[in-house]
Amino acid sequence: MINLKGFDQTINLILDESHERVFSSSQGVEQVVLGLYIVRGDNSPSLGEFRRHVDAALAYVA
């Protein structure tokens, strides 16, 4: 689970225990561990609800 460690007025984010998911129609989903990660405010993605049942249905590539 990703932990929000901090943020500022320009929406720069400091995330801990973060990971990236790489989606491929031929290879499924690969999860890449990033650890402590800083996201600049102008590159902040949209955030949404995490749905465990949808996540469990994805096939992860080791």
N, C-alpha and C. Protein backbone atom coordinates (compact mmCIF):
# COMPACT_ATOMS: atom_id res chain seq x y z
N MET A 1 0.84 -1.17 0.00
CA MET A 1 0.00 0.00 0.00
C MET A 1 0.89 1.23 0.00
N ILE A 2 0.53 2.20 -0.81
CA ILE A 2 1.29 3.45 -0.91
C ILE A 2 0.94 4.35 0.28
N ASN A 3 1.95 4.97 0.85
CA ASN A 3 1.75 5.89 1.97
C ASN A 3 2.12 7.30 1.53
N LEU A 4 1.21 8.26 1.77
CA LEU A 4 1.49 9.66 1.51
C LEU A 4 2.29 10.20 2.69
N LYS A 5 3.55 10.55 2.44
CA LYS A 5 4.43 11.05 3.50
C LYS A 5 4.36 12.56 3.65
N GLY A 6 4.06 13.27 2.56
CA GLY A 6 3.99 14.72 2.64
C GLY A 6 3.56 15.34 1.33
N PHE A 7 3.18 16.63 1.40
CA PHE A 7 2.80 17.40 0.21
C PHE A 7 2.98 18.88 0.54
N ASP A 8 2.90 19.72 -0.49
CA ASP A 8 3.00 21.16 -0.27
C ASP A 8 1.94 21.90 -1.07
N GLN A 9 2.00 23.24 -1.09
CA GLN A 9 0.97 24.05 -1.73
C GLN A 9 0.91 23.89 -3.24
N THR A 10 1.96 23.39 -3.87
CA THR A 10 1.94 23.17 -5.32
C THR A 10 1.66 21.71 -5.67
N ILE A 11 1.18 20.97 -4.72
CA ILE A 11 0.77 19.57 -4.85
C ILE A 11 1.94 18.64 -5.19
N ASN A 12 3.16 19.01 -4.80
CA ASN A 12 4.26 18.05 -4.87
C ASN A 12 3.96 16.97 -3.84
N LEU A 13 4.15 15.71 -4.21
CA LEU A 13 3.82 14.60 -3.33
C LEU A 13 5.06 13.80 -2.97
N ILE A 14 5.16 13.36 -1.73
CA ILE A 14 6.20 12.42 -1.31
C ILE A 14 5.48 11.14 -0.94
N LEU A 15 5.76 10.08 -1.69
CA LEU A 15 5.10 8.79 -1.50
C LEU A 15 6.10 7.76 -1.03
N ASP A 16 5.67 6.87 -0.15
CA ASP A 16 6.51 5.79 0.34
C ASP A 16 5.84 4.47 0.00
N GLU A 17 6.63 3.44 -0.18
CA GLU A 17 6.15 2.11 -0.55
C GLU A 17 5.36 2.15 -1.85
N SER A 18 5.82 2.98 -2.79
CA SER A 18 5.11 3.13 -4.05
C SER A 18 5.57 2.09 -5.06
N HIS A 19 4.72 1.87 -6.05
CA HIS A 19 5.03 0.96 -7.14
C HIS A 19 4.33 1.44 -8.40
N GLU A 20 4.82 0.97 -9.53
CA GLU A 20 4.26 1.32 -10.82
C GLU A 20 3.73 0.05 -11.46
N ARG A 21 2.59 0.14 -12.09
CA ARG A 21 2.03 -1.00 -12.81
C ARG A 21 2.16 -0.74 -14.29
N VAL A 22 2.76 -1.69 -14.99
CA VAL A 22 2.93 -1.61 -16.44
C VAL A 22 1.95 -2.60 -17.05
N PHE A 23 0.99 -2.07 -17.80
CA PHE A 23 -0.06 -2.90 -18.39
C PHE A 23 0.30 -3.26 -19.83
N SER A 24 0.10 -4.53 -20.17
CA SER A 24 0.35 -5.01 -21.53
C SER A 24 -0.73 -6.03 -21.89
N SER A 25 -1.27 -5.91 -23.09
CA SER A 25 -2.30 -6.86 -23.51
C SER A 25 -1.73 -8.24 -23.75
N SER A 26 -0.44 -8.33 -24.04
CA SER A 26 0.17 -9.64 -24.31
C SER A 26 0.84 -10.27 -23.09
N GLN A 27 1.28 -9.44 -22.12
CA GLN A 27 2.02 -9.96 -20.98
C GLN A 27 1.32 -9.75 -19.64
N GLY A 28 0.13 -9.19 -19.64
CA GLY A 28 -0.56 -8.94 -18.39
C GLY A 28 -0.05 -7.69 -17.71
N VAL A 29 0.06 -7.74 -16.40
CA VAL A 29 0.47 -6.57 -15.61
C VAL A 29 1.76 -6.89 -14.87
N GLU A 30 2.74 -6.00 -15.02
CA GLU A 30 4.00 -6.13 -14.29
C GLU A 30 4.03 -5.03 -13.23
N GLN A 31 4.40 -5.39 -12.01
CA GLN A 31 4.49 -4.41 -10.93
C GLN A 31 5.96 -4.13 -10.64
N VAL A 32 6.34 -2.86 -10.73
CA VAL A 32 7.72 -2.43 -10.50
C VAL A 32 7.75 -1.64 -9.19
N VAL A 33 8.55 -2.10 -8.22
CA VAL A 33 8.64 -1.43 -6.92
C VAL A 33 9.52 -0.19 -7.06
N LEU A 34 9.02 0.97 -6.60
CA LEU A 34 9.75 2.23 -6.67
C LEU A 34 10.26 2.68 -5.30
N GLY A 35 9.58 2.27 -4.22
CA GLY A 35 9.98 2.69 -2.87
C GLY A 35 9.59 4.12 -2.60
N LEU A 36 10.51 4.94 -2.06
CA LEU A 36 10.27 6.35 -1.78
C LEU A 36 10.31 7.11 -3.10
N TYR A 37 9.27 7.89 -3.36
CA TYR A 37 9.13 8.52 -4.67
C TYR A 37 8.57 9.92 -4.51
N ILE A 38 9.10 10.87 -5.27
CA ILE A 38 8.60 12.24 -5.24
C ILE A 38 7.97 12.54 -6.59
N VAL A 39 6.73 13.05 -6.55
CA VAL A 39 6.00 13.40 -7.77
C VAL A 39 5.82 14.91 -7.78
N ARG A 40 6.31 15.57 -8.82
CA ARG A 40 6.13 17.03 -8.94
C ARG A 40 4.66 17.35 -9.11
N GLY A 41 4.24 18.47 -8.55
CA GLY A 41 2.84 18.87 -8.59
C GLY A 41 2.26 18.96 -9.99
N ASP A 42 3.04 19.44 -10.95
CA ASP A 42 2.52 19.56 -12.31
C ASP A 42 2.42 18.21 -13.03
N ASN A 43 2.94 17.16 -12.41
CA ASN A 43 2.84 15.81 -12.97
C ASN A 43 1.95 14.91 -12.13
N SER A 44 1.21 15.49 -11.20
CA SER A 44 0.36 14.68 -10.33
C SER A 44 -0.77 14.05 -11.14
N PRO A 45 -0.93 12.75 -10.98
CA PRO A 45 -2.01 12.06 -11.69
C PRO A 45 -3.34 12.26 -10.98
N SER A 46 -4.39 11.86 -11.63
CA SER A 46 -5.69 11.80 -10.96
C SER A 46 -5.68 10.61 -10.03
N LEU A 47 -6.21 10.79 -8.85
CA LEU A 47 -6.25 9.71 -7.87
C LEU A 47 -7.68 9.24 -7.73
N GLY A 48 -7.84 7.94 -7.47
CA GLY A 48 -9.18 7.41 -7.33
C GLY A 48 -9.24 6.28 -6.33
N GLU A 49 -10.41 5.73 -6.22
CA GLU A 49 -10.66 4.65 -5.27
C GLU A 49 -9.95 3.37 -5.72
N PHE A 50 -9.38 2.67 -4.75
CA PHE A 50 -8.72 1.40 -5.01
C PHE A 50 -9.74 0.29 -4.81
N ARG A 51 -9.94 -0.52 -5.82
CA ARG A 51 -10.92 -1.60 -5.74
C ARG A 51 -10.19 -2.94 -5.72
N ARG A 52 -10.16 -3.56 -4.56
CA ARG A 52 -9.41 -4.80 -4.39
C ARG A 52 -9.89 -5.93 -5.30
N HIS A 53 -11.18 -6.05 -5.52
CA HIS A 53 -11.68 -7.14 -6.37
C HIS A 53 -11.25 -6.96 -7.83
N VAL A 54 -11.14 -5.71 -8.29
CA VAL A 54 -10.65 -5.47 -9.65
C VAL A 54 -9.16 -5.75 -9.71
N ASP A 55 -8.43 -5.30 -8.70
CA ASP A 55 -6.99 -5.53 -8.65
C ASP A 55 -6.68 -7.02 -8.60
N ALA A 56 -7.45 -7.78 -7.83
CA ALA A 56 -7.22 -9.23 -7.71
C ALA A 56 -7.45 -9.95 -9.03
N ALA A 57 -8.30 -9.39 -9.89
CA ALA A 57 -8.60 -10.03 -11.17
C ALA A 57 -7.49 -9.85 -12.21
N LEU A 58 -6.57 -8.91 -11.95
CA LEU A 58 -5.47 -8.67 -12.90
C LEU A 58 -4.40 -9.75 -12.74
N ALA A 59 -3.83 -10.18 -13.85
CA ALA A 59 -2.77 -11.19 -13.82
C ALA A 59 -1.42 -10.48 -13.74
N TYR A 60 -0.67 -10.70 -12.68
CA TYR A 60 0.64 -10.08 -12.51
C TYR A 60 1.73 -10.93 -13.12
N VAL A 61 2.68 -10.25 -13.74
CA VAL A 61 3.86 -10.90 -14.31
C VAL A 61 4.97 -10.79 -13.29
N ALA A 62 5.64 -11.88 -12.99
CA ALA A 62 6.72 -11.86 -11.99
C ALA A 62 7.96 -11.21 -12.49
